[in-house]
C-alpha atoms as a PDB file:
ATOM      1  CA  UNK A   1       0.000   0.000   0.000  1.00  0.00           C
ATOM      2  CA  UNK A   2       1.372   3.485  -0.864  1.00  0.00           C
ATOM      3  CA  UNK A   3       2.279   5.825   1.943  1.00  0.00           C
ATOM      4  CA  UNK A   4      -0.322   8.373   3.028  1.00  0.00           C
ATOM      5  CA  UNK A   5      -0.318  11.510   0.889  1.00  0.00           C
ATOM      6  CA  UNK A   6       0.231  14.914   2.454  1.00  0.00           C
ATOM      7  CA  UNK A   7      -0.448  18.037   0.393  1.00  0.00           C
ATOM      8  CA  UNK A   8       2.129  20.736   1.080  1.00  0.00           C
ATOM      9  CA  UNK A   9       0.477  24.041   1.981  1.00  0.00           C
ATOM     10  CA  UNK A  10       1.419  27.536   3.065  1.00  0.00           C
ATOM     11  CA  UNK A  11      -0.990  29.097   5.553  1.00  0.00           C
ATOM     12  CA  UNK A  12      -1.162  32.860   6.000  1.00  0.00           C
ATOM     13  CA  UNK A  13      -3.045  33.995   9.098  1.00  0.00           C
ATOM     14  CA  UNK A  14      -4.559  37.449   8.944  1.00  0.00           C
ATOM     15  CA  UNK A  15      -4.418  40.067  11.654  1.00  0.00           C
ATOM     16  CA  UNK A  16      -8.219  40.327  11.797  1.00  0.00           C
ATOM     17  CA  UNK A  17     -11.176  37.967  11.591  1.00  0.00           C
ATOM     18  CA  UNK A  18     -12.414  36.820   8.201  1.00  0.00           C
ATOM     19  CA  UNK A  19     -13.145  33.763   6.065  1.00  0.00           C
ATOM     20  CA  UNK A  20     -10.778  30.891   5.322  1.00  0.00           C
ATOM     21  CA  UNK A  21      -9.925  30.748   1.600  1.00  0.00           C
ATOM     22  CA  UNK A  22      -8.265  27.704   0.014  1.00  0.00           C
ATOM     23  CA  UNK A  23      -6.481  28.053  -3.347  1.00  0.00           C
ATOM     24  CA  UNK A  24      -4.884  24.917  -4.842  1.00  0.00           C
ATOM     25  CA  UNK A  25      -2.990  24.445  -8.102  1.00  0.00           C
ATOM     26  CA  UNK A  26      -1.477  21.462  -9.835  1.00  0.00           C
ATOM     27  CA  UNK A  27      -4.495  19.199  -9.495  1.00  0.00           C
ATOM     28  CA  UNK A  28      -3.211  18.018 -12.847  1.00  0.00           C
ATOM     29  CA  UNK A  29       0.536  17.638 -13.154  1.00  0.00           C
ATOM     30  CA  UNK A  30       0.794  19.396 -16.537  1.00  0.00           C
ATOM     31  CA  UNK A  31      -0.914  22.646 -15.468  1.00  0.00           C
ATOM     32  CA  UNK A  32       1.972  24.903 -14.553  1.00  0.00           C
ATOM     33  CA  UNK A  33       0.635  28.482 -14.486  1.00  0.00           C
ATOM     34  CA  UNK A  34      -1.475  27.894 -11.332  1.00  0.00           C
ATOM     35  CA  UNK A  35       1.601  26.508  -9.542  1.00  0.00           C
ATOM     36  CA  UNK A  36       3.626  29.616 -10.404  1.00  0.00           C
ATOM     37  CA  UNK A  37       0.770  31.996  -9.552  1.00  0.00           C
ATOM     38  CA  UNK A  38       0.164  30.447  -6.125  1.00  0.00           C
ATOM     39  CA  UNK A  39       3.854  30.659  -5.275  1.00  0.00           C
ATOM     40  CA  UNK A  40       3.640  34.347  -6.201  1.00  0.00           C
ATOM     41  CA  UNK A  41       0.710  34.737  -3.809  1.00  0.00           C
ATOM     42  CA  UNK A  42       2.761  33.190  -0.992  1.00  0.00           C
ATOM     43  CA  UNK A  43       5.177  36.104  -1.209  1.00  0.00           C
ATOM     44  CA  UNK A  44       2.573  38.735  -2.043  1.00  0.00           C
ATOM     45  CA  UNK A  45      -0.141  38.475   0.619  1.00  0.00           C
ATOM     46  CA  UNK A  46       0.985  39.916   3.960  1.00  0.00           C
ATOM     47  CA  UNK A  47      -0.592  38.736   7.196  1.00  0.00           C
ATOM     48  CA  UNK A  48      -0.935  42.273   8.543  1.00  0.00           C
ATOM     49  CA  UNK A  49      -3.231  43.263   5.649  1.00  0.00           C
ATOM     50  CA  UNK A  50      -5.196  40.012   5.522  1.00  0.00           C
ATOM     51  CA  UNK A  51      -8.531  39.399   7.217  1.00  0.00           C
ATOM     52  CA  UNK A  52      -9.097  35.713   7.820  1.00  0.00           C
ATOM     53  CA  UNK A  53      -6.935  32.815   6.689  1.00  0.00           C
ATOM     54  CA  UNK A  54      -5.417  31.941   3.332  1.00  0.00           C
ATOM     55  CA  UNK A  55      -4.284  28.374   2.575  1.00  0.00           C
ATOM     56  CA  UNK A  56      -2.187  27.977  -0.567  1.00  0.00           C
ATOM     57  CA  UNK A  57      -1.282  24.631  -2.156  1.00  0.00           C
ATOM     58  CA  UNK A  58       0.826  25.182  -5.308  1.00  0.00           C
ATOM     59  CA  UNK A  59       1.251  21.525  -6.317  1.00  0.00           C
ATOM     60  CA  UNK A  60      -1.571  19.274  -5.146  1.00  0.00           C
ATOM     61  CA  UNK A  61      -0.744  16.329  -7.410  1.00  0.00           C
ATOM     62  CA  UNK A  62       2.990  15.948  -6.825  1.00  0.00           C
ATOM     63  CA  UNK A  63       3.014  12.414  -8.236  1.00  0.00           C
ATOM     64  CA  UNK A  64       1.631  13.644 -11.571  1.00  0.00           C
ATOM     65  CA  UNK A  65       3.917  16.685 -11.625  1.00  0.00           C
ATOM     66  CA  UNK A  66       6.954  14.443 -11.103  1.00  0.00           C
ATOM     67  CA  UNK A  67       5.974  12.695 -14.349  1.00  0.00           C
ATOM     68  CA  UNK A  68       5.248  16.011 -16.157  1.00  0.00           C
ATOM     69  CA  UNK A  69       1.912  14.396 -16.896  1.00  0.00           C
ATOM     70  CA  UNK A  70      -1.749  15.114 -16.278  1.00  0.00           C
ATOM     71  CA  UNK A  71      -2.047  11.993 -14.144  1.00  0.00           C
ATOM     72  CA  UNK A  72       0.075   9.984 -11.718  1.00  0.00           C
ATOM     73  CA  UNK A  73       1.258   6.442 -12.362  1.00  0.00           C
ATOM     74  CA  UNK A  74      -2.142   4.921 -11.524  1.00  0.00           C
ATOM     75  CA  UNK A  75      -3.581   6.795 -14.553  1.00  0.00           C
ATOM     76  CA  UNK A  76      -6.515   8.167 -12.575  1.00  0.00           C
ATOM     77  CA  UNK A  77      -7.722  11.731 -13.087  1.00  0.00           C
ATOM     78  CA  UNK A  78      -7.656  13.504  -9.731  1.00  0.00           C
ATOM     79  CA  UNK A  79     -10.499  15.743 -10.902  1.00  0.00           C
ATOM     80  CA  UNK A  80     -12.710  12.676 -11.399  1.00  0.00           C
ATOM     81  CA  UNK A  81     -12.099  10.645  -8.224  1.00  0.00           C
ATOM     82  CA  UNK A  82     -12.859  13.168  -5.458  1.00  0.00           C
ATOM     83  CA  UNK A  83     -13.433  12.754  -2.550  1.00  0.00           C
ATOM     84  CA  UNK A  84     -11.028   9.851  -2.962  1.00  0.00           C
ATOM     85  CA  UNK A  85     -10.041   7.128  -0.538  1.00  0.00           C
ATOM     86  CA  UNK A  86      -7.693   7.296   2.418  1.00  0.00           C
ATOM     87  CA  UNK A  87      -6.390   3.785   1.672  1.00  0.00           C
ATOM     88  CA  UNK A  88      -6.647   3.935  -2.116  1.00  0.00           C
ATOM     89  CA  UNK A  89      -4.137   4.460  -4.911  1.00  0.00           C
ATOM     90  CA  UNK A  90      -1.833   7.487  -5.014  1.00  0.00           C
ATOM     91  CA  UNK A  91      -4.425   9.623  -6.823  1.00  0.00           C
ATOM     92  CA  UNK A  92      -7.293   8.481  -4.619  1.00  0.00           C
ATOM     93  CA  UNK A  93      -5.237   9.322  -1.518  1.00  0.00           C
ATOM     94  CA  UNK A  94      -4.392  12.731  -2.952  1.00  0.00           C
ATOM     95  CA  UNK A  95      -8.089  13.338  -3.652  1.00  0.00           C
ATOM     96  CA  UNK A  96      -8.890  12.352  -0.061  1.00  0.00           C
ATOM     97  CA  UNK A  97      -6.300  14.800   1.280  1.00  0.00           C
ATOM     98  CA  UNK A  98      -7.619  17.577  -0.993  1.00  0.00           C
ATOM     99  CA  UNK A  99     -11.191  16.912   0.109  1.00  0.00           C
ATOM    100  CA  UNK A 100     -10.138  17.351   3.734  1.00  0.00           C
ATOM    101  CA  UNK A 101      -8.588  20.722   2.915  1.00  0.00           C
ATOM    102  CA  UNK A 102     -11.728  21.822   1.066  1.00  0.00           C
ATOM    103  CA  UNK A 103     -14.067  20.861   3.899  1.00  0.00           C
ATOM    104  CA  UNK A 104     -11.963  22.906   6.339  1.00  0.00           C
ATOM    105  CA  UNK A 105     -12.324  26.068   4.231  1.00  0.00           C
ATOM    106  CA  UNK A 106     -15.053  28.697   3.895  1.00  0.00           C
ATOM    107  CA  UNK A 107     -14.260  29.662   0.290  1.00  0.00           C
ATOM    108  CA  UNK A 108     -12.532  27.809  -2.538  1.00  0.00           C
ATOM    109  CA  UNK A 109     -10.763  28.795  -5.792  1.00  0.00           C
ATOM    110  CA  UNK A 110      -9.543  25.931  -8.005  1.00  0.00           C
ATOM    111  CA  UNK A 111      -6.999  26.992 -10.662  1.00  0.00           C
ATOM    112  CA  UNK A 112      -6.554  25.020 -13.905  1.00  0.00           C
ATOM    113  CA  UNK A 113      -5.294  25.339 -17.486  1.00  0.00           C
ATOM    114  CA  UNK A 114      -5.745  23.318 -20.649  1.00  0.00           C
ATOM    115  CA  UNK A 115      -2.649  21.345 -19.724  1.00  0.00           C
ATOM    116  CA  UNK A 116      -0.661  19.692 -22.495  1.00  0.00           C
ATOM    117  CA  UNK A 117      -3.687  18.843 -24.666  1.00  0.00           C
ATOM    118  CA  UNK A 118      -6.205  21.708 -24.789  1.00  0.00           C
ATOM    119  CA  UNK A 119      -6.149  25.450 -25.441  1.00  0.00           C
ATOM    120  CA  UNK A 120      -8.895  27.136 -23.394  1.00  0.00           C
ATOM    121  CA  UNK A 121     -10.362  30.625 -23.549  1.00  0.00           C
ATOM    122  CA  UNK A 122      -9.961  32.333 -20.147  1.00  0.00           C
ATOM    123  CA  UNK A 123     -12.977  31.706 -17.951  1.00  0.00           C
ATOM    124  CA  UNK A 124     -14.157  31.518 -14.361  1.00  0.00           C
ATOM    125  CA  UNK A 125     -16.870  29.005 -13.574  1.00  0.00           C
ATOM    126  CA  UNK A 126     -19.039  27.573 -10.838  1.00  0.00           C
ATOM    127  CA  UNK A 127     -21.791  25.015 -10.353  1.00  0.00           C
ATOM    128  CA  UNK A 128     -25.394  26.156 -10.151  1.00  0.00           C
ATOM    129  CA  UNK A 129     -25.699  25.395  -6.459  1.00  0.00           C
ATOM    130  CA  UNK A 130     -29.159  24.725  -5.044  1.00  0.00           C
ATOM    131  CA  UNK A 131     -28.481  26.973  -2.048  1.00  0.00           C
ATOM    132  CA  UNK A 132     -29.257  30.503  -3.245  1.00  0.00           C
ATOM    133  CA  UNK A 133     -26.764  32.136  -0.857  1.00  0.00           C
ATOM    134  CA  UNK A 134     -23.923  29.852  -1.939  1.00  0.00           C
ATOM    135  CA  UNK A 135     -24.824  30.425  -5.591  1.00  0.00           C
ATOM    136  CA  UNK A 136     -24.879  34.202  -5.237  1.00  0.00           C
ATOM    137  CA  UNK A 137     -21.492  34.202  -3.470  1.00  0.00           C
ATOM    138  CA  UNK A 138     -20.085  32.091  -6.302  1.00  0.00           C
ATOM    139  CA  UNK A 139     -21.457  34.542  -8.872  1.00  0.00           C
ATOM    140  CA  UNK A 140     -19.730  37.405  -7.070  1.00  0.00           C
ATOM    141  CA  UNK A 141     -16.459  35.473  -6.837  1.00  0.00           C
ATOM    142  CA  UNK A 142     -16.495  34.462 -10.512  1.00  0.00           C
ATOM    143  CA  UNK A 143     -17.186  38.000 -11.721  1.00  0.00           C
ATOM    144  CA  UNK A 144     -14.530  39.377  -9.384  1.00  0.00           C
ATOM    145  CA  UNK A 145     -11.934  36.978 -10.822  1.00  0.00           C
ATOM    146  CA  UNK A 146     -12.345  39.132 -13.925  1.00  0.00           C
ATOM    147  CA  UNK A 147     -11.692  36.775 -16.837  1.00  0.00           C
ATOM    148  CA  UNK A 148     -13.653  37.278 -20.094  1.00  0.00           C
ATOM    149  CA  UNK A 149     -16.096  34.376 -19.637  1.00  0.00           C
ATOM    150  CA  UNK A 150     -18.190  33.549 -16.576  1.00  0.00           C
ATOM    151  CA  UNK A 151     -19.867  30.140 -16.839  1.00  0.00           C
ATOM    152  CA  UNK A 152     -22.349  28.678 -14.404  1.00  0.00           C
ATOM    153  CA  UNK A 153     -22.920  25.010 -15.181  1.00  0.00           C
ATOM    154  CA  UNK A 154     -24.543  21.818 -13.937  1.00  0.00           C
ATOM    155  CA  UNK A 155     -24.309  20.837 -10.286  1.00  0.00           C
ATOM    156  CA  UNK A 156     -24.765  17.167 -11.257  1.00  0.00           C
ATOM    157  CA  UNK A 157     -21.140  16.361 -12.197  1.00  0.00           C
ATOM    158  CA  UNK A 158     -19.382  14.165  -9.644  1.00  0.00           C
ATOM    159  CA  UNK A 159     -15.788  13.358  -8.736  1.00  0.00           C
ATOM    160  CA  UNK A 160     -14.524  16.916  -8.850  1.00  0.00           C
ATOM    161  CA  UNK A 161     -13.113  19.118  -6.154  1.00  0.00           C
ATOM    162  CA  UNK A 162     -16.066  21.439  -6.802  1.00  0.00           C
ATOM    163  CA  UNK A 163     -18.458  18.585  -6.071  1.00  0.00           C
ATOM    164  CA  UNK A 164     -16.782  18.204  -2.655  1.00  0.00           C
ATOM    165  CA  UNK A 165     -17.289  21.928  -2.044  1.00  0.00           C
ATOM    166  CA  UNK A 166     -20.872  21.679  -3.352  1.00  0.00           C
ATOM    167  CA  UNK A 167     -21.742  18.912  -0.891  1.00  0.00           C
ATOM    168  CA  UNK A 168     -20.143  20.839   1.982  1.00  0.00           C
ATOM    169  CA  UNK A 169     -22.016  24.056   1.102  1.00  0.00           C
ATOM    170  CA  UNK A 170     -18.771  25.948   0.458  1.00  0.00           C
ATOM    171  CA  UNK A 171     -18.847  28.692  -2.205  1.00  0.00           C
ATOM    172  CA  UNK A 172     -16.375  27.608  -4.888  1.00  0.00           C
ATOM    173  CA  UNK A 173     -15.200  28.703  -8.311  1.00  0.00           C
ATOM    174  CA  UNK A 174     -12.668  27.394 -10.794  1.00  0.00           C
ATOM    175  CA  UNK A 175     -10.622  29.151 -13.454  1.00  0.00           C
ATOM    176  CA  UNK A 176      -9.199  28.006 -16.790  1.00  0.00           C
ATOM    177  CA  UNK A 177      -6.591  29.887 -18.828  1.00  0.00           C
ATOM    178  CA  UNK A 178      -5.063  28.781 -22.128  1.00  0.00           C
ATOM    179  CA  UNK A 179      -2.425  26.049 -22.328  1.00  0.00           C
ATOM    180  CA  UNK A 180      -0.536  24.174 -23.666  1.00  0.00           C
ATOM    181  CA  UNK A 181       3.083  25.161 -24.193  1.00  0.00           C
ATOM    182  CA  UNK A 182       5.494  26.995 -21.908  1.00  0.00           C
ATOM    183  CA  UNK A 183       4.389  28.531 -18.635  1.00  0.00           C
ATOM    184  CA  UNK A 184       2.669  31.695 -19.860  1.00  0.00           C
ATOM    185  CA  UNK A 185       3.358  34.970 -18.042  1.00  0.00           C
ATOM    186  CA  UNK A 186      -0.036  36.458 -18.942  1.00  0.00           C
ATOM    187  CA  UNK A 187      -1.846  33.515 -17.381  1.00  0.00           C
ATOM    188  CA  UNK A 188       0.232  33.715 -14.209  1.00  0.00           C
ATOM    189  CA  UNK A 189      -0.497  37.423 -13.875  1.00  0.00           C
ATOM    190  CA  UNK A 190      -4.206  36.912 -14.557  1.00  0.00           C
ATOM    191  CA  UNK A 191      -4.371  34.251 -11.860  1.00  0.00           C
ATOM    192  CA  UNK A 192      -2.534  36.332  -9.279  1.00  0.00           C
ATOM    193  CA  UNK A 193      -4.772  39.324 -10.014  1.00  0.00           C
ATOM    194  CA  UNK A 194      -7.902  37.176 -10.082  1.00  0.00           C
ATOM    195  CA  UNK A 195      -7.233  35.670  -6.661  1.00  0.00           C
ATOM    196  CA  UNK A 196      -6.484  39.091  -5.184  1.00  0.00           C
ATOM    197  CA  UNK A 197      -9.686  40.448  -6.741  1.00  0.00           C
ATOM    198  CA  UNK A 198     -11.751  37.674  -5.166  1.00  0.00           C
ATOM    199  CA  UNK A 199     -10.127  38.233  -1.782  1.00  0.00           C
ATOM    200  CA  UNK A 200     -11.036  41.913  -2.008  1.00  0.00           C
ATOM    201  CA  UNK A 201     -14.616  41.070  -3.023  1.00  0.00           C
ATOM    202  CA  UNK A 202     -14.861  38.748  -0.007  1.00  0.00           C
ATOM    203  CA  UNK A 203     -13.575  41.519   2.301  1.00  0.00           C
ATOM    204  CA  UNK A 204     -10.301  39.715   3.017  1.00  0.00           C
ATOM    205  CA  UNK A 205      -8.128  42.483   1.541  1.00  0.00           C
ATOM    206  CA  UNK A 206      -8.487  46.164   0.777  1.00  0.00           C
ATOM    207  CA  UNK A 207      -8.022  46.574  -2.976  1.00  0.00           C
ATOM    208  CA  UNK A 208      -9.762  48.817  -5.507  1.00  0.00           C
ATOM    209  CA  UNK A 209     -11.973  46.913  -7.954  1.00  0.00           C
ATOM    210  CA  UNK A 210     -10.309  46.208 -11.314  1.00  0.00           C
ATOM    211  CA  UNK A 211     -11.422  47.537 -14.670  1.00  0.00           C
ATOM    212  CA  UNK A 212     -14.091  44.988 -15.672  1.00  0.00           C
ATOM    213  CA  UNK A 213     -12.954  42.381 -18.213  1.00  0.00           C
ATOM    214  CA  UNK A 214     -16.020  40.109 -18.167  1.00  0.00           C
ATOM    215  CA  UNK A 215     -17.700  40.129 -21.583  1.00  0.00           C
ATOM    216  CA  UNK A 216     -20.017  37.129 -21.354  1.00  0.00           C
ATOM    217  CA  UNK A 217     -21.972  35.449 -18.552  1.00  0.00           C
ATOM    218  CA  UNK A 218     -23.757  32.164 -19.311  1.00  0.00           C
ATOM    219  CA  UNK A 219     -25.619  29.867 -16.933  1.00  0.00           C
ATOM    220  CA  UNK A 220     -26.559  26.442 -18.281  1.00  0.00           C
ATOM    221  CA  UNK A 221     -28.213  23.907 -15.975  1.00  0.00           C
ATOM    222  CA  UNK A 222     -28.318  20.987 -18.431  1.00  0.00           C
ATOM    223  CA  UNK A 223     -26.880  17.845 -16.787  1.00  0.00           C
ATOM    224  CA  UNK A 224     -23.732  17.619 -18.949  1.00  0.00           C
ATOM    225  CA  UNK A 225     -22.899  21.340 -19.070  1.00  0.00           C
ATOM    226  CA  UNK A 226     -19.446  22.030 -17.676  1.00  0.00           C
ATOM    227  CA  UNK A 227     -18.030  18.708 -18.890  1.00  0.00           C
ATOM    228  CA  UNK A 228     -15.180  19.828 -21.151  1.00  0.00           C
ATOM    229  CA  UNK A 229     -13.920  16.309 -21.832  1.00  0.00           C
ATOM    230  CA  UNK A 230     -17.104  15.045 -23.509  1.00  0.00           C
ATOM    231  CA  UNK A 231     -17.660  17.755 -26.115  1.00  0.00           C
ATOM    232  CA  UNK A 232     -17.198  16.952 -29.806  1.00  0.00           C
ATOM    233  CA  UNK A 233     -15.473  13.602 -29.197  1.00  0.00           C
ATOM    234  CA  UNK A 234     -13.066  12.293 -31.833  1.00  0.00           C
ATOM    235  CA  UNK A 235     -14.817   9.587 -33.895  1.00  0.00           C
ATOM    236  CA  UNK A 236     -11.469   7.858 -34.424  1.00  0.00           C
ATOM    237  CA  UNK A 237      -7.858   8.028 -33.405  1.00  0.00           C
ATOM    238  CA  UNK A 238      -5.784  10.253 -35.649  1.00  0.00           C
ATOM    239  CA  UNK A 239      -4.088  13.601 -36.221  1.00  0.00           C
ATOM    240  CA  UNK A 240      -6.277  16.660 -35.563  1.00  0.00           C
ATOM    241  CA  UNK A 241      -5.859  19.906 -37.490  1.00  0.00           C
ATOM    242  CA  UNK A 242      -8.076  22.590 -35.888  1.00  0.00           C
ATOM    243  CA  UNK A 243      -9.785  25.218 -38.019  1.00  0.00           C
ATOM    244  CA  UNK A 244     -10.803  27.405 -35.067  1.00  0.00           C
ATOM    245  CA  UNK A 245      -9.154  28.853 -31.982  1.00  0.00           C
ATOM    246  CA  UNK A 246     -10.448  29.712 -28.503  1.00  0.00           C
ATOM    247  CA  UNK A 247     -12.580  32.837 -28.586  1.00  0.00           C
ATOM    248  CA  UNK A 248     -13.873  32.309 -32.137  1.00  0.00           C
ATOM    249  CA  UNK A 249     -17.612  32.398 -32.789  1.00  0.00           C
ATOM    250  CA  UNK A 250     -19.163  29.535 -34.743  1.00  0.00           C
ATOM    251  CA  UNK A 251     -22.541  28.592 -36.156  1.00  0.00           C
ATOM    252  CA  UNK A 252     -24.133  25.170 -36.272  1.00  0.00           C
ATOM    253  CA  UNK A 253     -22.380  23.246 -39.025  1.00  0.00           C
ATOM    254  CA  UNK A 254     -19.216  25.371 -39.142  1.00  0.00           C
ATOM    255  CA  UNK A 255     -15.912  23.576 -39.612  1.00  0.00           C
ATOM    256  CA  UNK A 256     -14.050  22.922 -36.338  1.00  0.00           C
ATOM    257  CA  UNK A 257     -11.188  20.982 -37.885  1.00  0.00           C
ATOM    258  CA  UNK A 258     -10.092  17.943 -39.822  1.00  0.00           C
ATOM    259  CA  UNK A 259      -9.145  14.589 -38.320  1.00  0.00           C
ATOM    260  CA  UNK A 260      -6.550  12.731 -40.416  1.00  0.00           C
ATOM    261  CA  UNK A 261      -7.113   9.050 -39.732  1.00  0.00           C
ATOM    262  CA  UNK A 262      -4.323   7.292 -41.654  1.00  0.00           C
ATOM    263  CA  UNK A 263      -0.572   8.101 -41.596  1.00  0.00           C
ATOM    264  CA  UNK A 264      -0.476   9.028 -45.302  1.00  0.00           C
ATOM    265  CA  UNK A 265      -3.360  11.472 -44.962  1.00  0.00           C
ATOM    266  CA  UNK A 266      -5.686   9.813 -47.469  1.00  0.00           C
ATOM    267  CA  UNK A 267      -8.583   9.422 -45.043  1.00  0.00           C
ATOM    268  CA  UNK A 268      -9.823  12.678 -43.565  1.00  0.00           C
ATOM    269  CA  UNK A 269     -12.865  13.248 -41.392  1.00  0.00           C
ATOM    270  CA  UNK A 270     -14.510  16.657 -41.261  1.00  0.00           C
ATOM    271  CA  UNK A 271     -15.389  17.752 -37.730  1.00  0.00           C
ATOM    272  CA  UNK A 272     -18.299  20.197 -37.741  1.00  0.00           C
ATOM    273  CA  UNK A 273     -19.921  22.092 -34.909  1.00  0.00           C
ATOM    274  CA  UNK A 274     -23.270  20.877 -33.694  1.00  0.00           C
ATOM    275  CA  UNK A 275     -23.784  24.091 -31.743  1.00  0.00           C
ATOM    276  CA  UNK A 276     -23.675  27.845 -32.182  1.00  0.00           C
ATOM    277  CA  UNK A 277     -21.644  29.949 -29.779  1.00  0.00           C
ATOM    278  CA  UNK A 278     -18.139  30.817 -28.671  1.00  0.00           C
ATOM    279  CA  UNK A 279     -15.263  28.349 -28.856  1.00  0.00           C
ATOM    280  CA  UNK A 280     -14.209  27.699 -25.261  1.00  0.00           C
ATOM    281  CA  UNK A 281     -11.555  25.068 -25.940  1.00  0.00           C
ATOM    282  CA  UNK A 282      -9.760  23.412 -28.849  1.00  0.00           C
ATOM    283  CA  UNK A 283      -7.589  20.320 -28.939  1.00  0.00           C
ATOM    284  CA  UNK A 284      -4.035  21.625 -29.264  1.00  0.00           C
ATOM    285  CA  UNK A 285      -2.155  18.321 -29.189  1.00  0.00           C
ATOM    286  CA  UNK A 286      -2.527  16.839 -32.697  1.00  0.00           C
ATOM    287  CA  UNK A 287      -2.388  13.196 -31.573  1.00  0.00           C
ATOM    288  CA  UNK A 288      -5.857  12.089 -30.468  1.00  0.00           C
ATOM    289  CA  UNK A 289      -7.515   8.889 -29.385  1.00  0.00           C
ATOM    290  CA  UNK A 290     -11.085   7.935 -30.147  1.00  0.00           C
ATOM    291  CA  UNK A 291     -13.358   9.816 -27.752  1.00  0.00           C
ATOM    292  CA  UNK A 292     -10.938  12.673 -26.982  1.00  0.00           C
ATOM    293  CA  UNK A 293     -12.638  16.068 -26.940  1.00  0.00           C
ATOM    294  CA  UNK A 294     -11.706  18.075 -30.040  1.00  0.00           C
ATOM    295  CA  UNK A 295     -13.493  21.334 -29.218  1.00  0.00           C
ATOM    296  CA  UNK A 296     -15.873  22.808 -26.663  1.00  0.00           C
ATOM    297  CA  UNK A 297     -18.543  25.277 -27.756  1.00  0.00           C
ATOM    298  CA  UNK A 298     -20.306  27.431 -25.168  1.00  0.00           C
ATOM    299  CA  UNK A 299     -23.788  27.763 -26.626  1.00  0.00           C
ATOM    300  CA  UNK A 300     -24.761  31.427 -26.752  1.00  0.00           C
ATOM    301  CA  UNK A 301     -25.023  34.305 -29.224  1.00  0.00           C
ATOM    302  CA  UNK A 302     -22.923  37.368 -29.957  1.00  0.00           C
ATOM    303  CA  UNK A 303     -25.837  39.560 -28.882  1.00  0.00           C
ATOM    304  CA  UNK A 304     -25.457  38.368 -25.263  1.00  0.00           C
ATOM    305  CA  UNK A 305     -21.786  39.458 -25.095  1.00  0.00           C
ATOM    306  CA  UNK A 306     -21.099  42.955 -23.844  1.00  0.00           C
END
């Protein structure tokens, strides 16, 4: 049996009373900008200006990070096995440890990127919680994070850190920003600023509100909304050549890309959009397996964007 997993955290205690905010990064081992941003926050937030408690965990999934891979050696997705098992595999134990941290918090911000496979348009999201007070706090937090897209989605998805927060009644948001490629400075800065903005909105810090960057707010309660990995699945393994990029607008039937099925390129499958809206994510790694998500479309219209 593997040894018990401990998530390394930095706790900053404020000089006055306030909520306890947890911010983890590295839930997936190939998402590097959140790790860098959280380490920046460790040196940026001073206890004498903080109200409440801030718990920072730059690299939750150390086993996956050590492999420079989305997942650890057990090949389980940490964002699908929460709340985990105390006596399970390495990923299940990590999920168990993360769930304990979440349940001890009052507020939660989960930072992600597209990792090594997907390019994602910057967004802050939350589940459409049944408790109206939790939901309204999440709406405030997501807007305060100040990325272009705010997306409220189904509360039915299980196995995620946000589902742990949902069940515990803890207001929680997540953020996604670009990927793949090198650790992007703009994403790091956006994440540092976003976390500070949320802390100010939750009365944990004194900061002036930022110039608003939110251009689109969508809430979609359909059961599968928010599931990035199931959108426009590849009908076959192959080599994907995208025809769109994150932030593009598409209509139903528009070309999303071409999937080259055979090594010589003789067999090509056209991948068309079944929805109209803004492109949230596109497969950036050309090598795909059957069922891999090739693109994610957030169903909406240009008229709803400010």
